[in-house]
Amino acid sequence: GSVIVQNQDIVGEGFHPQAGQPHAEVFALWAA
């Protein structure tokens, strides 16, 4: 799982759902 924080505010989150899918960091970056 991954969380992205800007000034102590969560601006993006994500998790890896299954093999072959993007990794958690990528989902979090997309959200941020």
PDB file of all heavy atoms in Angstrom:
ATOM      1  N   GLY A   1       0.841  -1.188   0.000  1.00  0.00           N
ATOM      2  CA  GLY A   1       0.000   0.000   0.000  1.00  0.00           C
ATOM      3  C   GLY A   1       0.876   1.238   0.000  1.00  0.00           C
ATOM      4  O   GLY A   1       2.030   1.200   0.441  1.00  0.00           O
ATOM      5  N   SER A   2       0.358   2.341  -0.510  1.00  0.00           N
ATOM      6  CA  SER A   2       1.149   3.568  -0.608  1.00  0.00           C
ATOM      7  C   SER A   2       0.271   4.778  -0.332  1.00  0.00           C
ATOM      8  O   SER A   2      -0.917   4.801  -0.680  1.00  0.00           O
ATOM      9  CB  SER A   2       1.781   3.685  -1.999  1.00  0.00           C
ATOM     10  OG  SER A   2       2.598   4.833  -2.100  1.00  0.00           O
ATOM     11  N   VAL A   3       0.874   5.772   0.303  1.00  0.00           N
ATOM     12  CA  VAL A   3       0.197   7.030   0.629  1.00  0.00           C
ATOM     13  C   VAL A   3       1.105   8.179   0.225  1.00  0.00           C
ATOM     14  O   VAL A   3       2.317   8.130   0.456  1.00  0.00           O
ATOM     15  CB  VAL A   3      -0.107   7.120   2.141  1.00  0.00           C
ATOM     16  CG1 VAL A   3      -0.705   8.482   2.496  1.00  0.00           C
ATOM     17  CG2 VAL A   3      -1.043   6.006   2.577  1.00  0.00           C
ATOM     18  N   ILE A   4       0.536   9.220  -0.373  1.00  0.00           N
ATOM     19  CA  ILE A   4       1.288  10.424  -0.721  1.00  0.00           C
ATOM     20  C   ILE A   4       0.745  11.587   0.092  1.00  0.00           C
ATOM     21  O   ILE A   4      -0.478  11.798   0.172  1.00  0.00           O
ATOM     22  CB  ILE A   4       1.197  10.723  -2.225  1.00  0.00           C
ATOM     23  CG1 ILE A   4       1.852   9.588  -3.021  1.00  0.00           C
ATOM     24  CG2 ILE A   4       1.869  12.057  -2.567  1.00  0.00           C
ATOM     25  CD1 ILE A   4       1.738   9.736  -4.522  1.00  0.00           C
ATOM     26  N   VAL A   5       1.667  12.316   0.714  1.00  0.00           N
ATOM     27  CA  VAL A   5       1.304  13.396   1.631  1.00  0.00           C
ATOM     28  C   VAL A   5       1.953  14.702   1.192  1.00  0.00           C
ATOM     29  O   VAL A   5       3.141  14.743   0.868  1.00  0.00           O
ATOM     30  CB  VAL A   5       1.734  13.057   3.072  1.00  0.00           C
ATOM     31  CG1 VAL A   5       1.539  14.253   3.998  1.00  0.00           C
ATOM     32  CG2 VAL A   5       0.957  11.851   3.593  1.00  0.00           C
ATOM     33  N   GLN A   6       1.170  15.756   1.183  1.00  0.00           N
ATOM     34  CA  GLN A   6       1.649  17.109   0.893  1.00  0.00           C
ATOM     35  C   GLN A   6       1.239  18.007   2.057  1.00  0.00           C
ATOM     36  O   GLN A   6       0.056  18.156   2.358  1.00  0.00           O
ATOM     37  CB  GLN A   6       1.027  17.611  -0.412  1.00  0.00           C
ATOM     38  CG  GLN A   6       1.538  18.946  -0.914  1.00  0.00           C
ATOM     39  CD  GLN A   6       2.916  18.871  -1.530  1.00  0.00           C
ATOM     40  OE1 GLN A   6       3.890  19.198  -0.853  1.00  0.00           O
ATOM     41  NE2 GLN A   6       3.008  18.460  -2.789  1.00  0.00           N
ATOM     42  N   ASN A   7       2.258  18.554   2.763  1.00  0.00           N
ATOM     43  CA  ASN A   7       1.982  19.410   3.929  1.00  0.00           C
ATOM     44  C   ASN A   7       1.091  18.713   4.946  1.00  0.00           C
ATOM     45  O   ASN A   7       0.145  19.286   5.490  1.00  0.00           O
ATOM     46  CB  ASN A   7       1.335  20.720   3.480  1.00  0.00           C
ATOM     47  CG  ASN A   7       2.248  21.532   2.584  1.00  0.00           C
ATOM     48  OD1 ASN A   7       3.471  21.577   2.790  1.00  0.00           O
ATOM     49  ND2 ASN A   7       1.676  22.163   1.567  1.00  0.00           N
ATOM     50  N   GLN A   8       1.381  17.443   5.200  1.00  0.00           N
ATOM     51  CA  GLN A   8       0.678  16.592   6.160  1.00  0.00           C
ATOM     52  C   GLN A   8      -0.789  16.340   5.789  1.00  0.00           C
ATOM     53  O   GLN A   8      -1.583  15.921   6.629  1.00  0.00           O
ATOM     54  CB  GLN A   8       0.797  17.156   7.588  1.00  0.00           C
ATOM     55  CG  GLN A   8       2.216  17.115   8.139  1.00  0.00           C
ATOM     56  CD  GLN A   8       2.261  17.056   9.654  1.00  0.00           C
ATOM     57  OE1 GLN A   8       1.405  17.608  10.331  1.00  0.00           O
ATOM     58  NE2 GLN A   8       3.265  16.371  10.188  1.00  0.00           N
ATOM     59  N   ASP A   9      -1.130  16.577   4.553  1.00  0.00           N
ATOM     60  CA  ASP A   9      -2.448  16.224   4.036  1.00  0.00           C
ATOM     61  C   ASP A   9      -2.285  15.076   3.043  1.00  0.00           C
ATOM     62  O   ASP A   9      -1.442  15.143   2.136  1.00  0.00           O
ATOM     63  CB  ASP A   9      -3.115  17.409   3.329  1.00  0.00           C
ATOM     64  CG  ASP A   9      -3.518  18.505   4.286  1.00  0.00           C
ATOM     65  OD1 ASP A   9      -3.859  18.185   5.449  1.00  0.00           O
ATOM     66  OD2 ASP A   9      -3.477  19.684   3.886  1.00  0.00           O
ATOM     67  N   ILE A  10      -3.095  14.029   3.179  1.00  0.00           N
ATOM     68  CA  ILE A  10      -3.056  12.915   2.233  1.00  0.00           C
ATOM     69  C   ILE A  10      -3.666  13.374   0.910  1.00  0.00           C
ATOM     70  O   ILE A  10      -4.821  13.800   0.863  1.00  0.00           O
ATOM     71  CB  ILE A  10      -3.821  11.700   2.777  1.00  0.00           C
ATOM     72  CG1 ILE A  10      -3.120  11.148   4.030  1.00  0.00           C
ATOM     73  CG2 ILE A  10      -3.930  10.612   1.712  1.00  0.00           C
ATOM     74  CD1 ILE A  10      -3.849   9.990   4.682  1.00  0.00           C
ATOM     75  N   VAL A  11      -2.860  13.264  -0.154  1.00  0.00           N
ATOM     76  CA  VAL A  11      -3.336  13.697  -1.469  1.00  0.00           C
ATOM     77  C   VAL A  11      -3.468  12.533  -2.448  1.00  0.00           C
ATOM     78  O   VAL A  11      -3.965  12.714  -3.567  1.00  0.00           O
ATOM     79  CB  VAL A  11      -2.405  14.775  -2.062  1.00  0.00           C
ATOM     80  CG1 VAL A  11      -2.418  16.030  -1.189  1.00  0.00           C
ATOM     81  CG2 VAL A  11      -0.973  14.257  -2.223  1.00  0.00           C
ATOM     82  N   GLY A  12      -3.013  11.344  -2.046  1.00  0.00           N
ATOM     83  CA  GLY A  12      -3.134  10.189  -2.916  1.00  0.00           C
ATOM     84  C   GLY A  12      -2.905   8.898  -2.152  1.00  0.00           C
ATOM     85  O   GLY A  12      -2.072   8.846  -1.245  1.00  0.00           O
ATOM     86  N   GLU A  13      -3.656   7.862  -2.496  1.00  0.00           N
ATOM     87  CA  GLU A  13      -3.500   6.547  -1.890  1.00  0.00           C
ATOM     88  C   GLU A  13      -3.656   5.478  -2.966  1.00  0.00           C
ATOM     89  O   GLU A  13      -4.295   5.699  -3.997  1.00  0.00           O
ATOM     90  CB  GLU A  13      -4.561   6.300  -0.810  1.00  0.00           C
ATOM     91  CG  GLU A  13      -4.428   7.161   0.423  1.00  0.00           C
ATOM     92  CD  GLU A  13      -5.448   6.790   1.493  1.00  0.00           C
ATOM     93  OE1 GLU A  13      -6.524   6.250   1.136  1.00  0.00           O
ATOM     94  OE2 GLU A  13      -5.157   7.030   2.683  1.00  0.00           O
ATOM     95  N   GLY A  14      -3.082   4.311  -2.705  1.00  0.00           N
ATOM     96  CA  GLY A  14      -3.234   3.207  -3.632  1.00  0.00           C
ATOM     97  C   GLY A  14      -2.726   1.914  -3.026  1.00  0.00           C
ATOM     98  O   GLY A  14      -1.997   1.920  -2.039  1.00  0.00           O
ATOM     99  N   PHE A  15      -3.136   0.794  -3.631  1.00  0.00           N
ATOM    100  CA  PHE A  15      -2.626  -0.520  -3.221  1.00  0.00           C
ATOM    101  C   PHE A  15      -2.502  -1.395  -4.458  1.00  0.00           C
ATOM    102  O   PHE A  15      -3.132  -1.133  -5.494  1.00  0.00           O
ATOM    103  CB  PHE A  15      -3.536  -1.178  -2.181  1.00  0.00           C
ATOM    104  CG  PHE A  15      -4.905  -1.555  -2.706  1.00  0.00           C
ATOM    105  CD1 PHE A  15      -5.154  -2.811  -3.256  1.00  0.00           C
ATOM    106  CD2 PHE A  15      -5.958  -0.648  -2.640  1.00  0.00           C
ATOM    107  CE1 PHE A  15      -6.406  -3.146  -3.743  1.00  0.00           C
ATOM    108  CE2 PHE A  15      -7.211  -0.977  -3.119  1.00  0.00           C
ATOM    109  CZ  PHE A  15      -7.444  -2.235  -3.670  1.00  0.00           C
ATOM    110  N   HIS A  16      -1.663  -2.412  -4.350  1.00  0.00           N
ATOM    111  CA  HIS A  16      -1.452  -3.345  -5.459  1.00  0.00           C
ATOM    112  C   HIS A  16      -2.551  -4.405  -5.421  1.00  0.00           C
ATOM    113  O   HIS A  16      -2.626  -5.186  -4.464  1.00  0.00           O
ATOM    114  CB  HIS A  16      -0.083  -3.994  -5.331  1.00  0.00           C
ATOM    115  CG  HIS A  16       0.223  -5.005  -6.384  1.00  0.00           C
ATOM    116  ND1 HIS A  16       0.078  -4.760  -7.735  1.00  0.00           N
ATOM    117  CD2 HIS A  16       0.648  -6.298  -6.288  1.00  0.00           C
ATOM    118  CE1 HIS A  16       0.416  -5.831  -8.420  1.00  0.00           C
ATOM    119  NE2 HIS A  16       0.752  -6.779  -7.564  1.00  0.00           N
ATOM    120  N   PRO A  17      -3.428  -4.477  -6.447  1.00  0.00           N
ATOM    121  CA  PRO A  17      -4.567  -5.396  -6.383  1.00  0.00           C
ATOM    122  C   PRO A  17      -4.235  -6.845  -6.725  1.00  0.00           C
ATOM    123  O   PRO A  17      -4.781  -7.763  -6.123  1.00  0.00           O
ATOM    124  CB  PRO A  17      -5.558  -4.803  -7.391  1.00  0.00           C
ATOM    125  CG  PRO A  17      -4.694  -4.067  -8.371  1.00  0.00           C
ATOM    126  CD  PRO A  17      -3.512  -3.560  -7.602  1.00  0.00           C
ATOM    127  N   GLN A  18      -3.347  -7.059  -7.698  1.00  0.00           N
ATOM    128  CA  GLN A  18      -2.968  -8.416  -8.078  1.00  0.00           C
ATOM    129  C   GLN A  18      -1.810  -8.362  -9.060  1.00  0.00           C
ATOM    130  O   GLN A  18      -1.510  -7.304  -9.629  1.00  0.00           O
ATOM    131  CB  GLN A  18      -4.145  -9.167  -8.707  1.00  0.00           C
ATOM    132  CG  GLN A  18      -4.647  -8.573 -10.014  1.00  0.00           C
ATOM    133  CD  GLN A  18      -5.836  -9.331 -10.579  1.00  0.00           C
ATOM    134  OE1 GLN A  18      -6.651  -9.870  -9.847  1.00  0.00           O
ATOM    135  NE2 GLN A  18      -5.926  -9.378 -11.900  1.00  0.00           N
ATOM    136  N   ALA A  19      -1.141  -9.506  -9.237  1.00  0.00           N
ATOM    137  CA  ALA A  19       0.001  -9.576 -10.150  1.00  0.00           C
ATOM    138  C   ALA A  19      -0.422  -9.179 -11.553  1.00  0.00           C
ATOM    139  O   ALA A  19      -1.476  -9.580 -12.039  1.00  0.00           O
ATOM    140  CB  ALA A  19       0.580 -10.990 -10.151  1.00  0.00           C
ATOM    141  N   GLY A  20       0.424  -8.369 -12.202  1.00  0.00           N
ATOM    142  CA  GLY A  20       0.132  -7.879 -13.540  1.00  0.00           C
ATOM    143  C   GLY A  20      -0.508  -6.509 -13.551  1.00  0.00           C
ATOM    144  O   GLY A  20      -0.497  -5.827 -14.583  1.00  0.00           O
ATOM    145  N   GLN A  21      -1.063  -6.099 -12.409  1.00  0.00           N
ATOM    146  CA  GLN A  21      -1.655  -4.774 -12.292  1.00  0.00           C
ATOM    147  C   GLN A  21      -0.595  -3.785 -11.807  1.00  0.00           C
ATOM    148  O   GLN A  21       0.437  -4.169 -11.254  1.00  0.00           O
ATOM    149  CB  GLN A  21      -2.829  -4.809 -11.307  1.00  0.00           C
ATOM    150  CG  GLN A  21      -3.996  -5.659 -11.781  1.00  0.00           C
ATOM    151  CD  GLN A  21      -4.664  -5.075 -13.004  1.00  0.00           C
ATOM    152  OE1 GLN A  21      -4.943  -3.885 -13.059  1.00  0.00           O
ATOM    153  NE2 GLN A  21      -4.914  -5.925 -13.997  1.00  0.00           N
ATOM    154  N   PRO A  22      -0.809  -2.471 -11.984  1.00  0.00           N
ATOM    155  CA  PRO A  22       0.157  -1.488 -11.488  1.00  0.00           C
ATOM    156  C   PRO A  22       0.401  -1.656  -9.998  1.00  0.00           C
ATOM    157  O   PRO A  22      -0.463  -2.152  -9.256  1.00  0.00           O
ATOM    158  CB  PRO A  22      -0.521  -0.148 -11.806  1.00  0.00           C
ATOM    159  CG  PRO A  22      -1.418  -0.446 -12.962  1.00  0.00           C
ATOM    160  CD  PRO A  22      -1.919  -1.838 -12.734  1.00  0.00           C
ATOM    161  N   HIS A  23       1.564  -1.212  -9.569  1.00  0.00           N
ATOM    162  CA  HIS A  23       1.918  -1.315  -8.162  1.00  0.00           C
ATOM    163  C   HIS A  23       1.297  -0.169  -7.368  1.00  0.00           C
ATOM    164  O   HIS A  23       0.776   0.792  -7.919  1.00  0.00           O
ATOM    165  CB  HIS A  23       3.434  -1.341  -8.002  1.00  0.00           C
ATOM    166  CG  HIS A  23       4.058  -2.591  -8.544  1.00  0.00           C
ATOM    167  ND1 HIS A  23       5.412  -2.841  -8.463  1.00  0.00           N
ATOM    168  CD2 HIS A  23       3.518  -3.667  -9.173  1.00  0.00           C
ATOM    169  CE1 HIS A  23       5.681  -4.011  -9.018  1.00  0.00           C
ATOM    170  NE2 HIS A  23       4.539  -4.528  -9.465  1.00  0.00           N
ATOM    171  N   ALA A  24       1.363  -0.302  -6.049  1.00  0.00           N
ATOM    172  CA  ALA A  24       0.679   0.642  -5.158  1.00  0.00           C
ATOM    173  C   ALA A  24       1.121   2.081  -5.385  1.00  0.00           C
ATOM    174  O   ALA A  24       0.293   3.007  -5.385  1.00  0.00           O
ATOM    175  CB  ALA A  24       0.942   0.241  -3.704  1.00  0.00           C
ATOM    176  N   GLU A  25       2.433   2.293  -5.591  1.00  0.00           N
ATOM    177  CA  GLU A  25       2.943   3.647  -5.766  1.00  0.00           C
ATOM    178  C   GLU A  25       2.336   4.320  -6.990  1.00  0.00           C
ATOM    179  O   GLU A  25       2.057   5.520  -6.977  1.00  0.00           O
ATOM    180  CB  GLU A  25       4.472   3.623  -5.909  1.00  0.00           C
ATOM    181  CG  GLU A  25       5.211   2.992  -4.732  1.00  0.00           C
ATOM    182  CD  GLU A  25       5.509   1.515  -4.943  1.00  0.00           C
ATOM    183  OE1 GLU A  25       4.602   0.780  -5.403  1.00  0.00           O
ATOM    184  OE2 GLU A  25       6.637   1.102  -4.648  1.00  0.00           O
ATOM    185  N   VAL A  26       2.133   3.545  -8.033  1.00  0.00           N
ATOM    186  CA  VAL A  26       1.584   4.105  -9.268  1.00  0.00           C
ATOM    187  C   VAL A  26       0.145   4.556  -9.054  1.00  0.00           C
ATOM    188  O   VAL A  26      -0.249   5.650  -9.481  1.00  0.00           O
ATOM    189  CB  VAL A  26       1.678   3.077 -10.409  1.00  0.00           C
ATOM    190  CG1 VAL A  26       0.965   3.590 -11.660  1.00  0.00           C
ATOM    191  CG2 VAL A  26       3.146   2.768 -10.725  1.00  0.00           C
ATOM    192  N   PHE A  27      -0.644   3.730  -8.385  1.00  0.00           N
ATOM    193  CA  PHE A  27      -2.026   4.126  -8.094  1.00  0.00           C
ATOM    194  C   PHE A  27      -2.060   5.387  -7.237  1.00  0.00           C
ATOM    195  O   PHE A  27      -2.884   6.286  -7.445  1.00  0.00           O
ATOM    196  CB  PHE A  27      -2.763   2.996  -7.383  1.00  0.00           C
ATOM    197  CG  PHE A  27      -3.248   1.901  -8.298  1.00  0.00           C
ATOM    198  CD1 PHE A  27      -2.682   0.638  -8.259  1.00  0.00           C
ATOM    199  CD2 PHE A  27      -4.278   2.137  -9.202  1.00  0.00           C
ATOM    200  CE1 PHE A  27      -3.130  -0.374  -9.098  1.00  0.00           C
ATOM    201  CE2 PHE A  27      -4.739   1.130 -10.049  1.00  0.00           C
ATOM    202  CZ  PHE A  27      -4.152  -0.120  -9.999  1.00  0.00           C
ATOM    203  N   ALA A  28      -1.153   5.454  -6.254  1.00  0.00           N
ATOM    204  CA  ALA A  28      -1.108   6.636  -5.391  1.00  0.00           C
ATOM    205  C   ALA A  28      -0.697   7.879  -6.175  1.00  0.00           C
ATOM    206  O   ALA A  28      -1.253   8.974  -5.974  1.00  0.00           O
ATOM    207  CB  ALA A  28      -0.144   6.401  -4.231  1.00  0.00           C
ATOM    208  N   LEU A  29       0.262   7.727  -7.082  1.00  0.00           N
ATOM    209  CA  LEU A  29       0.701   8.853  -7.909  1.00  0.00           C
ATOM    210  C   LEU A  29      -0.412   9.313  -8.843  1.00  0.00           C
ATOM    211  O   LEU A  29      -0.603  10.518  -9.058  1.00  0.00           O
ATOM    212  CB  LEU A  29       1.942   8.466  -8.710  1.00  0.00           C
ATOM    213  CG  LEU A  29       3.242   8.310  -7.903  1.00  0.00           C
ATOM    214  CD1 LEU A  29       4.324   7.670  -8.759  1.00  0.00           C
ATOM    215  CD2 LEU A  29       3.709   9.663  -7.372  1.00  0.00           C
ATOM    216  N   TRP A  30      -1.154   8.363  -9.398  1.00  0.00           N
ATOM    217  CA  TRP A  30      -2.282   8.737 -10.252  1.00  0.00           C
ATOM    218  C   TRP A  30      -3.309   9.542  -9.452  1.00  0.00           C
ATOM    219  O   TRP A  30      -3.865  10.525  -9.944  1.00  0.00           O
ATOM    220  CB  TRP A  30      -2.949   7.489 -10.819  1.00  0.00           C
ATOM    221  CG  TRP A  30      -2.167   6.808 -11.898  1.00  0.00           C
ATOM    222  CD1 TRP A  30      -1.092   7.304 -12.576  1.00  0.00           C
ATOM    223  CD2 TRP A  30      -2.406   5.494 -12.420  1.00  0.00           C
ATOM    224  NE1 TRP A  30      -0.633   6.393 -13.493  1.00  0.00           N
ATOM    225  CE2 TRP A  30      -1.421   5.270 -13.440  1.00  0.00           C
ATOM    226  CE3 TRP A  30      -3.325   4.499 -12.162  1.00  0.00           C
ATOM    227  CZ2 TRP A  30      -1.358   4.076 -14.159  1.00  0.00           C
ATOM    228  CZ3 TRP A  30      -3.275   3.302 -12.887  1.00  0.00           C
ATOM    229  CH2 TRP A  30      -2.297   3.104 -13.870  1.00  0.00           C
ATOM    230  N   ALA A  31      -3.551   9.103  -8.217  1.00  0.00           N
ATOM    231  CA  ALA A  31      -4.538   9.795  -7.389  1.00  0.00           C
ATOM    232  C   ALA A  31      -4.054  11.187  -6.999  1.00  0.00           C
ATOM    233  O   ALA A  31      -4.846  12.141  -6.938  1.00  0.00           O
ATOM    234  CB  ALA A  31      -4.834   8.970  -6.135  1.00  0.00           C
ATOM    235  N   ALA A  32      -2.750  11.326  -6.747  1.00  0.00           N
ATOM    236  CA  ALA A  32      -2.207  12.627  -6.324  1.00  0.00           C
ATOM    237  C   ALA A  32      -2.090  13.595  -7.497  1.00  0.00           C
ATOM    238  O   ALA A  32      -2.260  14.804  -7.335  1.00  0.00           O
ATOM    239  CB  ALA A  32      -0.836  12.421  -5.674  1.00  0.00           C
TER     240      ALA A  32
END
